[in-house]
Amino acid sequence: MNILIFGTKKCKRTRQAERFFKERGISYHFRDLSERAFSSGELNNILPSISREDLLDQDSKAYKDRGMAYMEFDIIEEIMDDNRLVRTPVVRNGRKATVGVNETVWKEWIEEYRNS
């Protein structure tokens, strides 16, 4: 299993994702989005599994401060410009990915891994 968690150290949901995998003995890599943004390649790897709209955190301070609710914009361009707009955590397992806390899918991944 190749789990990669994108989030921030201060994010409660990101810590919940880390705890989920830690408690099940699954190793993972953590990428702090406040230190290093998504690359275009990474975004291309997760976009088949996550819609652009789901990736955008419309409740974030950055979204509200920029008045984005009243703008037309390209979601990916905005996320590449300001990764504070990403809804976290983004959890990737190879070519599969989830956004937010999605323990049901994560359990399926673990089950598939253990049965392979």
PDB file of N, CA and C in Angstrom:
ATOM      1  N   MET A   1       0.833  -1.176   0.000  1.00  0.00           N
ATOM      2  CA  MET A   1       0.000   0.000   0.000  1.00  0.00           C
ATOM      3  C   MET A   1       0.877   1.238   0.000  1.00  0.00           C
ATOM      4  N   ASN A   2       0.497   2.200  -0.806  1.00  0.00           N
ATOM      5  CA  ASN A   2       1.283   3.416  -0.925  1.00  0.00           C
ATOM      6  C   ASN A   2       0.383   4.617  -0.594  1.00  0.00           C
ATOM      7  N   ILE A   3       0.234   4.902   0.686  1.00  0.00           N
ATOM      8  CA  ILE A   3      -0.663   5.965   1.142  1.00  0.00           C
ATOM      9  C   ILE A   3       0.108   7.271   1.253  1.00  0.00           C
ATOM     10  N   LEU A   4      -0.463   8.312   0.673  1.00  0.00           N
ATOM     11  CA  LEU A   4       0.096   9.652   0.765  1.00  0.00           C
ATOM     12  C   LEU A   4      -1.021  10.575   1.239  1.00  0.00           C
ATOM     13  N   ILE A   5      -0.772  11.259   2.362  1.00  0.00           N
ATOM     14  CA  ILE A   5      -1.756  12.170   2.934  1.00  0.00           C
ATOM     15  C   ILE A   5      -1.284  13.602   2.709  1.00  0.00           C
ATOM     16  N   PHE A   6      -2.110  14.368   2.009  1.00  0.00           N
ATOM     17  CA  PHE A   6      -1.848  15.791   1.803  1.00  0.00           C
ATOM     18  C   PHE A   6      -2.732  16.561   2.770  1.00  0.00           C
ATOM     19  N   GLY A   7      -2.139  17.472   3.501  1.00  0.00           N
ATOM     20  CA  GLY A   7      -2.910  18.274   4.442  1.00  0.00           C
ATOM     21  C   GLY A   7      -2.002  19.252   5.142  1.00  0.00           C
ATOM     22  N   THR A   8      -2.454  19.730   6.282  1.00  0.00           N
ATOM     23  CA  THR A   8      -1.620  20.615   7.095  1.00  0.00           C
ATOM     24  C   THR A   8      -1.582  20.077   8.519  1.00  0.00           C
ATOM     25  N   LYS A   9      -0.513  20.389   9.201  1.00  0.00           N
ATOM     26  CA  LYS A   9      -0.341  19.893  10.568  1.00  0.00           C
ATOM     27  C   LYS A   9      -1.424  20.406  11.509  1.00  0.00           C
ATOM     28  N   LYS A  10      -1.967  21.583  11.227  1.00  0.00           N
ATOM     29  CA  LYS A  10      -2.970  22.175  12.107  1.00  0.00           C
ATOM     30  C   LYS A  10      -4.381  21.673  11.830  1.00  0.00           C
ATOM     31  N   CYS A  11      -4.589  20.977  10.724  1.00  0.00           N
ATOM     32  CA  CYS A  11      -5.925  20.548  10.317  1.00  0.00           C
ATOM     33  C   CYS A  11      -6.384  19.334  11.121  1.00  0.00           C
ATOM     34  N   LYS A  12      -7.528  19.463  11.776  1.00  0.00           N
ATOM     35  CA  LYS A  12      -8.083  18.384  12.592  1.00  0.00           C
ATOM     36  C   LYS A  12      -8.401  17.146  11.748  1.00  0.00           C
ATOM     37  N   ARG A  13      -8.966  17.357  10.562  1.00  0.00           N
ATOM     38  CA  ARG A  13      -9.324  16.227   9.696  1.00  0.00           C
ATOM     39  C   ARG A  13      -8.079  15.505   9.169  1.00  0.00           C
ATOM     40  N   THR A  14      -7.024  16.261   8.917  1.00  0.00           N
ATOM     41  CA  THR A  14      -5.770  15.639   8.473  1.00  0.00           C
ATOM     42  C   THR A  14      -5.201  14.769   9.582  1.00  0.00           C
ATOM     43  N   ARG A  15      -5.216  15.263  10.802  1.00  0.00           N
ATOM     44  CA  ARG A  15      -4.721  14.468  11.935  1.00  0.00           C
ATOM     45  C   ARG A  15      -5.589  13.225  12.132  1.00  0.00           C
ATOM     46  N   GLN A  16      -6.884  13.343  11.864  1.00  0.00           N
ATOM     47  CA  GLN A  16      -7.786  12.196  11.966  1.00  0.00           C
ATOM     48  C   GLN A  16      -7.408  11.129  10.938  1.00  0.00           C
ATOM     49  N   ALA A  17      -7.070  11.550   9.727  1.00  0.00           N
ATOM     50  CA  ALA A  17      -6.648  10.602   8.688  1.00  0.00           C
ATOM     51  C   ALA A  17      -5.345   9.916   9.092  1.00  0.00           C
ATOM     52  N   GLU A  18      -4.408  10.682   9.601  1.00  0.00           N
ATOM     53  CA  GLU A  18      -3.144  10.091  10.045  1.00  0.00           C
ATOM     54  C   GLU A  18      -3.380   9.064  11.149  1.00  0.00           C
ATOM     55  N   ARG A  19      -4.226   9.427  12.097  1.00  0.00           N
ATOM     56  CA  ARG A  19      -4.534   8.525  13.211  1.00  0.00           C
ATOM     57  C   ARG A  19      -5.189   7.234  12.697  1.00  0.00           C
ATOM     58  N   PHE A  20      -6.099   7.361  11.720  1.00  0.00           N
ATOM     59  CA  PHE A  20      -6.782   6.206  11.150  1.00  0.00           C
ATOM     60  C   PHE A  20      -5.763   5.179  10.636  1.00  0.00           C
ATOM     61  N   PHE A  21      -4.820   5.630   9.840  1.00  0.00           N
ATOM     62  CA  PHE A  21      -3.853   4.698   9.253  1.00  0.00           C
ATOM     63  C   PHE A  21      -2.847   4.204  10.296  1.00  0.00           C
ATOM     64  N   LYS A  22      -2.452   5.085  11.212  1.00  0.00           N
ATOM     65  CA  LYS A  22      -1.515   4.707  12.261  1.00  0.00           C
ATOM     66  C   LYS A  22      -2.099   3.598  13.143  1.00  0.00           C
ATOM     67  N   GLU A  23      -3.368   3.748  13.524  1.00  0.00           N
ATOM     68  CA  GLU A  23      -4.015   2.764  14.394  1.00  0.00           C
ATOM     69  C   GLU A  23      -4.135   1.395  13.727  1.00  0.00           C
ATOM     70  N   ARG A  24      -4.131   1.356  12.411  1.00  0.00           N
ATOM     71  CA  ARG A  24      -4.255   0.098  11.676  1.00  0.00           C
ATOM     72  C   ARG A  24      -2.908  -0.439  11.197  1.00  0.00           C
ATOM     73  N   GLY A  25      -1.841   0.211  11.632  1.00  0.00           N
ATOM     74  CA  GLY A  25      -0.503  -0.255  11.293  1.00  0.00           C
ATOM     75  C   GLY A  25      -0.133  -0.060   9.824  1.00  0.00           C
ATOM     76  N   ILE A  26      -0.776   0.913   9.179  1.00  0.00           N
ATOM     77  CA  ILE A  26      -0.502   1.185   7.771  1.00  0.00           C
ATOM     78  C   ILE A  26       0.440   2.379   7.689  1.00  0.00           C
ATOM     79  N   SER A  27       1.598   2.169   7.071  1.00  0.00           N
ATOM     80  CA  SER A  27       2.532   3.289   6.935  1.00  0.00           C
ATOM     81  C   SER A  27       2.033   4.235   5.843  1.00  0.00           C
ATOM     82  N   TYR A  28       2.376   5.482   5.988  1.00  0.00           N
ATOM     83  CA  TYR A  28       1.938   6.507   5.041  1.00  0.00           C
ATOM     84  C   TYR A  28       2.996   7.596   4.984  1.00  0.00           C
ATOM     85  N   HIS A  29       2.925   8.393   3.946  1.00  0.00           N
ATOM     86  CA  HIS A  29       3.766   9.579   3.824  1.00  0.00           C
ATOM     87  C   HIS A  29       2.852  10.781   3.998  1.00  0.00           C
ATOM     88  N   PHE A  30       3.362  11.802   4.662  1.00  0.00           N
ATOM     89  CA  PHE A  30       2.590  13.009   4.894  1.00  0.00           C
ATOM     90  C   PHE A  30       3.223  14.169   4.153  1.00  0.00           C
ATOM     91  N   ARG A  31       2.405  14.940   3.448  1.00  0.00           N
ATOM     92  CA  ARG A  31       2.880  16.145   2.759  1.00  0.00           C
ATOM     93  C   ARG A  31       2.132  17.335   3.318  1.00  0.00           C
ATOM     94  N   ASP A  32       2.875  18.243   3.930  1.00  0.00           N
ATOM     95  CA  ASP A  32       2.281  19.446   4.501  1.00  0.00           C
ATOM     96  C   ASP A  32       2.107  20.471   3.390  1.00  0.00           C
ATOM     97  N   LEU A  33       0.854  20.755   3.041  1.00  0.00           N
ATOM     98  CA  LEU A  33       0.573  21.690   1.965  1.00  0.00           C
ATOM     99  C   LEU A  33       0.943  23.129   2.311  1.00  0.00           C
ATOM    100  N   SER A  34       1.147  23.416   3.581  1.00  0.00           N
ATOM    101  CA  SER A  34       1.577  24.772   3.939  1.00  0.00           C
ATOM    102  C   SER A  34       3.066  24.957   3.650  1.00  0.00           C
ATOM    103  N   GLU A  35       3.782  23.854   3.463  1.00  0.00           N
ATOM    104  CA  GLU A  35       5.213  23.920   3.163  1.00  0.00           C
ATOM    105  C   GLU A  35       5.501  23.684   1.680  1.00  0.00           C
ATOM    106  N   ARG A  36       4.695  22.826   1.056  1.00  0.00           N
ATOM    107  CA  ARG A  36       4.943  22.484  -0.349  1.00  0.00           C
ATOM    108  C   ARG A  36       3.610  22.227  -1.039  1.00  0.00           C
ATOM    109  N   ALA A  37       3.339  22.993  -2.067  1.00  0.00           N
ATOM    110  CA  ALA A  37       2.062  22.911  -2.781  1.00  0.00           C
ATOM    111  C   ALA A  37       2.007  21.672  -3.674  1.00  0.00           C
ATOM    112  N   PHE A  38       0.812  21.377  -4.169  1.00  0.00           N
ATOM    113  CA  PHE A  38       0.646  20.320  -5.148  1.00  0.00           C
ATOM    114  C   PHE A  38       1.425  20.671  -6.402  1.00  0.00           C
ATOM    115  N   SER A  39       2.025  19.678  -7.019  1.00  0.00           N
ATOM    116  CA  SER A  39       2.588  19.878  -8.352  1.00  0.00           C
ATOM    117  C   SER A  39       1.471  19.581  -9.350  1.00  0.00           C
ATOM    118  N   SER A  40       1.642  20.017 -10.578  1.00  0.00           N
ATOM    119  CA  SER A  40       0.612  19.748 -11.591  1.00  0.00           C
ATOM    120  C   SER A  40       0.474  18.249 -11.815  1.00  0.00           C
ATOM    121  N   GLY A  41       1.573  17.502 -11.733  1.00  0.00           N
ATOM    122  CA  GLY A  41       1.531  16.041 -11.886  1.00  0.00           C
ATOM    123  C   GLY A  41       0.723  15.375 -10.786  1.00  0.00           C
ATOM    124  N   GLU A  42       0.893  15.841  -9.556  1.00  0.00           N
ATOM    125  CA  GLU A  42       0.141  15.281  -8.437  1.00  0.00           C
ATOM    126  C   GLU A  42      -1.349  15.550  -8.601  1.00  0.00           C
ATOM    127  N   LEU A  43      -1.679  16.767  -9.008  1.00  0.00           N
ATOM    128  CA  LEU A  43      -3.088  17.081  -9.236  1.00  0.00           C
ATOM    129  C   LEU A  43      -3.666  16.208 -10.345  1.00  0.00           C
ATOM    130  N   ASN A  44      -2.901  16.007 -11.405  1.00  0.00           N
ATOM    131  CA  ASN A  44      -3.374  15.150 -12.498  1.00  0.00           C
ATOM    132  C   ASN A  44      -3.587  13.712 -12.037  1.00  0.00           C
ATOM    133  N   ASN A  45      -2.807  13.257 -11.063  1.00  0.00           N
ATOM    134  CA  ASN A  45      -2.968  11.895 -10.544  1.00  0.00           C
ATOM    135  C   ASN A  45      -4.227  11.737  -9.700  1.00  0.00           C
ATOM    136  N   ILE A  46      -4.633  12.788  -9.008  1.00  0.00           N
ATOM    137  CA  ILE A  46      -5.802  12.648  -8.134  1.00  0.00           C
ATOM    138  C   ILE A  46      -7.109  13.066  -8.799  1.00  0.00           C
ATOM    139  N   LEU A  47      -7.039  13.881  -9.842  1.00  0.00           N
ATOM    140  CA  LEU A  47      -8.274  14.382 -10.457  1.00  0.00           C
ATOM    141  C   LEU A  47      -9.179  13.310 -11.055  1.00  0.00           C
ATOM    142  N   PRO A  48      -8.665  12.178 -11.536  1.00  0.00           N
ATOM    143  CA  PRO A  48      -9.610  11.145 -11.993  1.00  0.00           C
ATOM    144  C   PRO A  48     -10.486  10.585 -10.863  1.00  0.00           C
ATOM    145  N   SER A  49     -10.027  10.692  -9.611  1.00  0.00           N
ATOM    146  CA  SER A  49     -10.764  10.149  -8.471  1.00  0.00           C
ATOM    147  C   SER A  49     -11.574  11.195  -7.717  1.00  0.00           C
ATOM    148  N   ILE A  50     -11.204  12.463  -7.859  1.00  0.00           N
ATOM    149  CA  ILE A  50     -11.830  13.539  -7.101  1.00  0.00           C
ATOM    150  C   ILE A  50     -12.265  14.629  -8.072  1.00  0.00           C
ATOM    151  N   SER A  51     -13.491  15.086  -7.932  1.00  0.00           N
ATOM    152  CA  SER A  51     -13.924  16.172  -8.802  1.00  0.00           C
ATOM    153  C   SER A  51     -13.251  17.477  -8.372  1.00  0.00           C
ATOM    154  N   ARG A  52     -13.095  18.352  -9.309  1.00  0.00           N
ATOM    155  CA  ARG A  52     -12.499  19.659  -9.019  1.00  0.00           C
ATOM    156  C   ARG A  52     -13.295  20.395  -7.949  1.00  0.00           C
ATOM    157  N   GLU A  53     -14.613  20.283  -8.035  1.00  0.00           N
ATOM    158  CA  GLU A  53     -15.473  20.973  -7.081  1.00  0.00           C
ATOM    159  C   GLU A  53     -15.287  20.431  -5.660  1.00  0.00           C
ATOM    160  N   ASP A  54     -15.099  19.114  -5.539  1.00  0.00           N
ATOM    161  CA  ASP A  54     -14.883  18.513  -4.220  1.00  0.00           C
ATOM    162  C   ASP A  54     -13.533  18.926  -3.630  1.00  0.00           C
ATOM    163  N   LEU A  55     -12.565  19.168  -4.491  1.00  0.00           N
ATOM    164  CA  LEU A  55     -11.231  19.540  -4.042  1.00  0.00           C
ATOM    165  C   LEU A  55     -11.183  20.962  -3.477  1.00  0.00           C
ATOM    166  N   LEU A  56     -12.074  21.803  -3.945  1.00  0.00           N
ATOM    167  CA  LEU A  56     -12.107  23.202  -3.513  1.00  0.00           C
ATOM    168  C   LEU A  56     -12.845  23.337  -2.187  1.00  0.00           C
ATOM    169  N   ASP A  57     -12.189  23.947  -1.207  1.00  0.00           N
ATOM    170  CA  ASP A  57     -12.800  24.154   0.111  1.00  0.00           C
ATOM    171  C   ASP A  57     -13.507  25.500   0.135  1.00  0.00           C
ATOM    172  N   GLN A  58     -14.813  25.466  -0.111  1.00  0.00           N
ATOM    173  CA  GLN A  58     -15.589  26.699  -0.149  1.00  0.00           C
ATOM    174  C   GLN A  58     -15.827  27.284   1.239  1.00  0.00           C
ATOM    175  N   ASP A  59     -15.480  26.534   2.273  1.00  0.00           N
ATOM    176  CA  ASP A  59     -15.605  27.037   3.636  1.00  0.00           C
ATOM    177  C   ASP A  59     -14.303  27.652   4.152  1.00  0.00           C
ATOM    178  N   SER A  60     -13.255  27.613   3.332  1.00  0.00           N
ATOM    179  CA  SER A  60     -11.952  28.099   3.797  1.00  0.00           C
ATOM    180  C   SER A  60     -11.926  29.621   3.888  1.00  0.00           C
ATOM    181  N   LYS A  61     -11.069  30.094   4.763  1.00  0.00           N
ATOM    182  CA  LYS A  61     -10.885  31.535   4.937  1.00  0.00           C
ATOM    183  C   LYS A  61     -10.376  32.150   3.639  1.00  0.00           C
ATOM    184  N   ALA A  62      -9.479  31.459   2.951  1.00  0.00           N
ATOM    185  CA  ALA A  62      -8.922  31.980   1.702  1.00  0.00           C
ATOM    186  C   ALA A  62     -10.018  32.179   0.653  1.00  0.00           C
ATOM    187  N   TYR A  63     -10.936  31.237   0.570  1.00  0.00           N
ATOM    188  CA  TYR A  63     -12.044  31.320  -0.388  1.00  0.00           C
ATOM    189  C   TYR A  63     -12.914  32.538  -0.077  1.00  0.00           C
ATOM    190  N   LYS A  64     -13.222  32.714   1.183  1.00  0.00           N
ATOM    191  CA  LYS A  64     -14.082  33.835   1.590  1.00  0.00           C
ATOM    192  C   LYS A  64     -13.370  35.179   1.450  1.00  0.00           C
ATOM    193  N   ASP A  65     -12.081  35.226   1.852  1.00  0.00           N
ATOM    194  CA  ASP A  65     -11.322  36.473   1.778  1.00  0.00           C
ATOM    195  C   ASP A  65     -11.181  36.966   0.340  1.00  0.00           C
ATOM    196  N   ARG A  66     -11.082  36.038  -0.592  1.00  0.00           N
ATOM    197  CA  ARG A  66     -10.918  36.403  -2.002  1.00  0.00           C
ATOM    198  C   ARG A  66     -12.257  36.683  -2.689  1.00  0.00           C
ATOM    199  N   GLY A  67     -13.361  36.475  -1.979  1.00  0.00           N
ATOM    200  CA  GLY A  67     -14.676  36.713  -2.567  1.00  0.00           C
ATOM    201  C   GLY A  67     -14.971  35.789  -3.729  1.00  0.00           C
ATOM    202  N   MET A  68     -14.498  34.576  -3.652  1.00  0.00           N
ATOM    203  CA  MET A  68     -14.599  33.651  -4.781  1.00  0.00           C
ATOM    204  C   MET A  68     -16.022  33.179  -5.059  1.00  0.00           C
ATOM    205  N   ALA A  69     -16.901  33.320  -4.093  1.00  0.00           N
ATOM    206  CA  ALA A  69     -18.287  32.909  -4.314  1.00  0.00           C
ATOM    207  C   ALA A  69     -18.931  33.750  -5.408  1.00  0.00           C
ATOM    208  N   TYR A  70     -18.365  34.906  -5.681  1.00  0.00           N
ATOM    209  CA  TYR A  70     -18.943  35.829  -6.656  1.00  0.00           C
ATOM    210  C   TYR A  70     -18.099  35.931  -7.934  1.00  0.00           C
ATOM    211  N   MET A  71     -17.176  35.002  -8.113  1.00  0.00           N
ATOM    212  CA  MET A  71     -16.266  35.053  -9.257  1.00  0.00           C
ATOM    213  C   MET A  71     -16.418  33.817 -10.138  1.00  0.00           C
ATOM    214  N   GLU A  72     -16.024  33.957 -11.381  1.00  0.00           N
ATOM    215  CA  GLU A  72     -15.835  32.801 -12.249  1.00  0.00           C
ATOM    216  C   GLU A  72     -14.340  32.559 -12.298  1.00  0.00           C
ATOM    217  N   PHE A  73     -13.939  31.295 -12.148  1.00  0.00           N
ATOM    218  CA  PHE A  73     -12.510  31.002 -12.107  1.00  0.00           C
ATOM    219  C   PHE A  73     -12.281  29.540 -12.461  1.00  0.00           C
ATOM    220  N   ASP A  74     -11.034  29.236 -12.788  1.00  0.00           N
ATOM    221  CA  ASP A  74     -10.620  27.854 -13.019  1.00  0.00           C
ATOM    222  C   ASP A  74     -10.124  27.308 -11.681  1.00  0.00           C
ATOM    223  N   ILE A  75     -10.796  26.293 -11.181  1.00  0.00           N
ATOM    224  CA  ILE A  75     -10.483  25.753  -9.852  1.00  0.00           C
ATOM    225  C   ILE A  75      -9.026  25.321  -9.740  1.00  0.00           C
ATOM    226  N   ILE A  76      -8.542  24.596 -10.737  1.00  0.00           N
ATOM    227  CA  ILE A  76      -7.173  24.075 -10.668  1.00  0.00           C
ATOM    228  C   ILE A  76      -6.155  25.214 -10.664  1.00  0.00           C
ATOM    229  N   GLU A  77      -6.366  26.230 -11.491  1.00  0.00           N
ATOM    230  CA  GLU A  77      -5.453  27.374 -11.492  1.00  0.00           C
ATOM    231  C   GLU A  77      -5.424  28.041 -10.124  1.00  0.00           C
ATOM    232  N   GLU A  78      -6.570  28.204  -9.525  1.00  0.00           N
ATOM    233  CA  GLU A  78      -6.643  28.853  -8.212  1.00  0.00           C
ATOM    234  C   GLU A  78      -5.971  28.003  -7.137  1.00  0.00           C
ATOM    235  N   ILE A  79      -6.164  26.686  -7.195  1.00  0.00           N
ATOM    236  CA  ILE A  79      -5.529  25.792  -6.218  1.00  0.00           C
ATOM    237  C   ILE A  79      -4.014  25.802  -6.390  1.00  0.00           C
ATOM    238  N   MET A  80      -3.561  25.834  -7.640  1.00  0.00           N
ATOM    239  CA  MET A  80      -2.113  25.891  -7.883  1.00  0.00           C
ATOM    240  C   MET A  80      -1.540  27.211  -7.358  1.00  0.00           C
ATOM    241  N   ASP A  81      -2.335  28.260  -7.400  1.00  0.00           N
ATOM    242  CA  ASP A  81      -1.898  29.566  -6.935  1.00  0.00           C
ATOM    243  C   ASP A  81      -1.940  29.670  -5.408  1.00  0.00           C
ATOM    244  N   ASP A  82      -2.928  29.025  -4.784  1.00  0.00           N
ATOM    245  CA  ASP A  82      -3.103  29.137  -3.334  1.00  0.00           C
ATOM    246  C   ASP A  82      -3.651  27.819  -2.789  1.00  0.00           C
ATOM    247  N   ASN A  83      -2.776  26.984  -2.248  1.00  0.00           N
ATOM    248  CA  ASN A  83      -3.205  25.667  -1.774  1.00  0.00           C
ATOM    249  C   ASN A  83      -3.989  25.732  -0.467  1.00  0.00           C
ATOM    250  N   ARG A  84      -4.218  26.923   0.078  1.00  0.00           N
ATOM    251  CA  ARG A  84      -5.124  27.047   1.226  1.00  0.00           C
ATOM    252  C   ARG A  84      -6.568  26.831   0.792  1.00  0.00           C
ATOM    253  N   LEU A  85      -6.788  26.753  -0.510  1.00  0.00           N
ATOM    254  CA  LEU A  85      -8.125  26.525  -1.055  1.00  0.00           C
ATOM    255  C   LEU A  85      -8.480  25.040  -1.140  1.00  0.00           C
ATOM    256  N   VAL A  86      -7.524  24.168  -0.849  1.00  0.00           N
ATOM    257  CA  VAL A  86      -7.744  22.719  -0.948  1.00  0.00           C
ATOM    258  C   VAL A  86      -8.466  22.217   0.289  1.00  0.00           C
ATOM    259  N   ARG A  87      -9.508  21.429   0.066  1.00  0.00           N
ATOM    260  CA  ARG A  87     -10.197  20.761   1.172  1.00  0.00           C
ATOM    261  C   ARG A  87      -9.325  19.591   1.602  1.00  0.00           C
ATOM    262  N   THR A  88      -8.986  19.526   2.855  1.00  0.00           N
ATOM    263  CA  THR A  88      -8.078  18.495   3.343  1.00  0.00           C
ATOM    264  C   THR A  88      -8.788  17.542   4.284  1.00  0.00           C
ATOM    265  N   PRO A  89      -8.237  16.356   4.464  1.00  0.00           N
ATOM    266  CA  PRO A  89      -7.053  15.829   3.807  1.00  0.00           C
ATOM    267  C   PRO A  89      -7.390  15.256   2.433  1.00  0.00           C
ATOM    268  N   VAL A  90      -6.394  15.262   1.582  1.00  0.00           N
ATOM    269  CA  VAL A  90      -6.469  14.505   0.337  1.00  0.00           C
ATOM    270  C   VAL A  90      -5.614  13.270   0.588  1.00  0.00           C
ATOM    271  N   VAL A  91      -6.225  12.101   0.481  1.00  0.00           N
ATOM    272  CA  VAL A  91      -5.519  10.849   0.742  1.00  0.00           C
ATOM    273  C   VAL A  91      -5.442  10.074  -0.563  1.00  0.00           C
ATOM    274  N   ARG A  92      -4.219   9.744  -0.963  1.00  0.00           N
ATOM    275  CA  ARG A  92      -4.016   9.042  -2.224  1.00  0.00           C
ATOM    276  C   ARG A  92      -3.448   7.663  -1.959  1.00  0.00           C
ATOM    277  N   ASN A  93      -3.977   6.696  -2.680  1.00  0.00           N
ATOM    278  CA  ASN A  93      -3.497   5.317  -2.642  1.00  0.00           C
ATOM    279  C   ASN A  93      -3.270   4.911  -4.092  1.00  0.00           C
ATOM    280  N   GLY A  94      -2.045   5.098  -4.568  1.00  0.00           N
ATOM    281  CA  GLY A  94      -1.773   4.832  -5.977  1.00  0.00           C
ATOM    282  C   GLY A  94      -2.542   5.809  -6.842  1.00  0.00           C
ATOM    283  N   ARG A  95      -3.411   5.291  -7.708  1.00  0.00           N
ATOM    284  CA  ARG A  95      -4.208   6.153  -8.594  1.00  0.00           C
ATOM    285  C   ARG A  95      -5.576   6.491  -8.000  1.00  0.00           C
ATOM    286  N   LYS A  96      -5.877   5.969  -6.830  1.00  0.00           N
ATOM    287  CA  LYS A  96      -7.147   6.260  -6.165  1.00  0.00           C
ATOM    288  C   LYS A  96      -6.926   7.375  -5.153  1.00  0.00           C
ATOM    289  N   ALA A  97      -7.971   8.175  -4.928  1.00  0.00           N
ATOM    290  CA  ALA A  97      -7.825   9.276  -3.977  1.00  0.00           C
ATOM    291  C   ALA A  97      -9.181   9.637  -3.374  1.00  0.00           C
ATOM    292  N   THR A  98      -9.120  10.189  -2.182  1.00  0.00           N
ATOM    293  CA  THR A  98     -10.313  10.716  -1.512  1.00  0.00           C
ATOM    294  C   THR A  98      -9.985  12.111  -1.010  1.00  0.00           C
ATOM    295  N   VAL A  99     -11.024  12.873  -0.750  1.00  0.00           N
ATOM    296  CA  VAL A  99     -10.854  14.191  -0.141  1.00  0.00           C
ATOM    297  C   VAL A  99     -11.749  14.232   1.093  1.00  0.00           C
ATOM    298  N   GLY A 100     -11.236  14.843   2.160  1.00  0.00           N
ATOM    299  CA  GLY A 100     -11.957  14.824   3.423  1.00  0.00           C
ATOM    300  C   GLY A 100     -11.758  13.487   4.114  1.00  0.00           C
ATOM    301  N   VAL A 101     -12.415  13.303   5.219  1.00  0.00           N
ATOM    302  CA  VAL A 101     -12.323  12.042   5.959  1.00  0.00           C
ATOM    303  C   VAL A 101     -13.310  11.060   5.339  1.00  0.00           C
ATOM    304  N   ASN A 102     -12.782   9.940   4.845  1.00  0.00           N
ATOM    305  CA  ASN A 102     -13.615   8.935   4.184  1.00  0.00           C
ATOM    306  C   ASN A 102     -13.169   7.545   4.633  1.00  0.00           C
ATOM    307  N   GLU A 103     -13.452   7.218   5.873  1.00  0.00           N
ATOM    308  CA  GLU A 103     -12.982   5.966   6.456  1.00  0.00           C
ATOM    309  C   GLU A 103     -13.538   4.745   5.739  1.00  0.00           C
ATOM    310  N   THR A 104     -14.738   4.827   5.187  1.00  0.00           N
ATOM    311  CA  THR A 104     -15.322   3.695   4.475  1.00  0.00           C
ATOM    312  C   THR A 104     -14.437   3.286   3.304  1.00  0.00           C
ATOM    313  N   VAL A 105     -14.024   4.244   2.506  1.00  0.00           N
ATOM    314  CA  VAL A 105     -13.159   3.950   1.361  1.00  0.00           C
ATOM    315  C   VAL A 105     -11.786   3.489   1.835  1.00  0.00           C
ATOM    316  N   TRP A 106     -11.260   4.124   2.865  1.00  0.00           N
ATOM    317  CA  TRP A 106      -9.945   3.729   3.369  1.00  0.00           C
ATOM    318  C   TRP A 106      -9.958   2.291   3.863  1.00  0.00           C
ATOM    319  N   LYS A 107     -11.041   1.880   4.518  1.00  0.00           N
ATOM    320  CA  LYS A 107     -11.158   0.488   4.972  1.00  0.00           C
ATOM    321  C   LYS A 107     -11.186  -0.460   3.777  1.00  0.00           C
ATOM    322  N   GLU A 108     -11.870  -0.059   2.705  1.00  0.00           N
ATOM    323  CA  GLU A 108     -11.896  -0.880   1.487  1.00  0.00           C
ATOM    324  C   GLU A 108     -10.494  -1.038   0.916  1.00  0.00           C
ATOM    325  N   TRP A 109      -9.726   0.038   0.894  1.00  0.00           N
ATOM    326  CA  TRP A 109      -8.350  -0.030   0.402  1.00  0.00           C
ATOM    327  C   TRP A 109      -7.528  -1.015   1.217  1.00  0.00           C
ATOM    328  N   ILE A 110      -7.672  -0.950   2.542  1.00  0.00           N
ATOM    329  CA  ILE A 110      -6.905  -1.836   3.430  1.00  0.00           C
ATOM    330  C   ILE A 110      -7.320  -3.282   3.194  1.00  0.00           C
ATOM    331  N   GLU A 111      -8.625  -3.530   3.076  1.00  0.00           N
ATOM    332  CA  GLU A 111      -9.134  -4.865   2.830  1.00  0.00           C
ATOM    333  C   GLU A 111      -8.595  -5.419   1.498  1.00  0.00           C
ATOM    334  N   GLU A 112      -8.637  -4.610   0.456  1.00  0.00           N
ATOM    335  CA  GLU A 112      -8.116  -5.022  -0.863  1.00  0.00           C
ATOM    336  C   GLU A 112      -6.633  -5.353  -0.749  1.00  0.00           C
ATOM    337  N   TYR A 113      -5.889  -4.519  -0.028  1.00  0.00           N
ATOM    338  CA  TYR A 113      -4.462  -4.718   0.123  1.00  0.00           C
ATOM    339  C   TYR A 113      -4.165  -6.019   0.865  1.00  0.00           C
ATOM    340  N   ARG A 114      -4.895  -6.257   1.928  1.00  0.00           N
ATOM    341  CA  ARG A 114      -4.648  -7.469   2.728  1.00  0.00           C
ATOM    342  C   ARG A 114      -5.091  -8.727   2.009  1.00  0.00           C
ATOM    343  N   ASN A 115      -6.053  -8.613   1.082  1.00  0.00           N
ATOM    344  CA  ASN A 115      -6.520  -9.780   0.336  1.00  0.00           C
ATOM    345  C   ASN A 115      -5.744 -10.034  -0.944  1.00  0.00           C
ATOM    346  N   SER A 116      -4.817  -9.154  -1.272  1.00  0.00           N
ATOM    347  CA  SER A 116      -4.056  -9.344  -2.512  1.00  0.00           C
ATOM    348  C   SER A 116      -2.771 -10.109  -2.285  1.00  0.00           C
TER     349      SER A 116
END
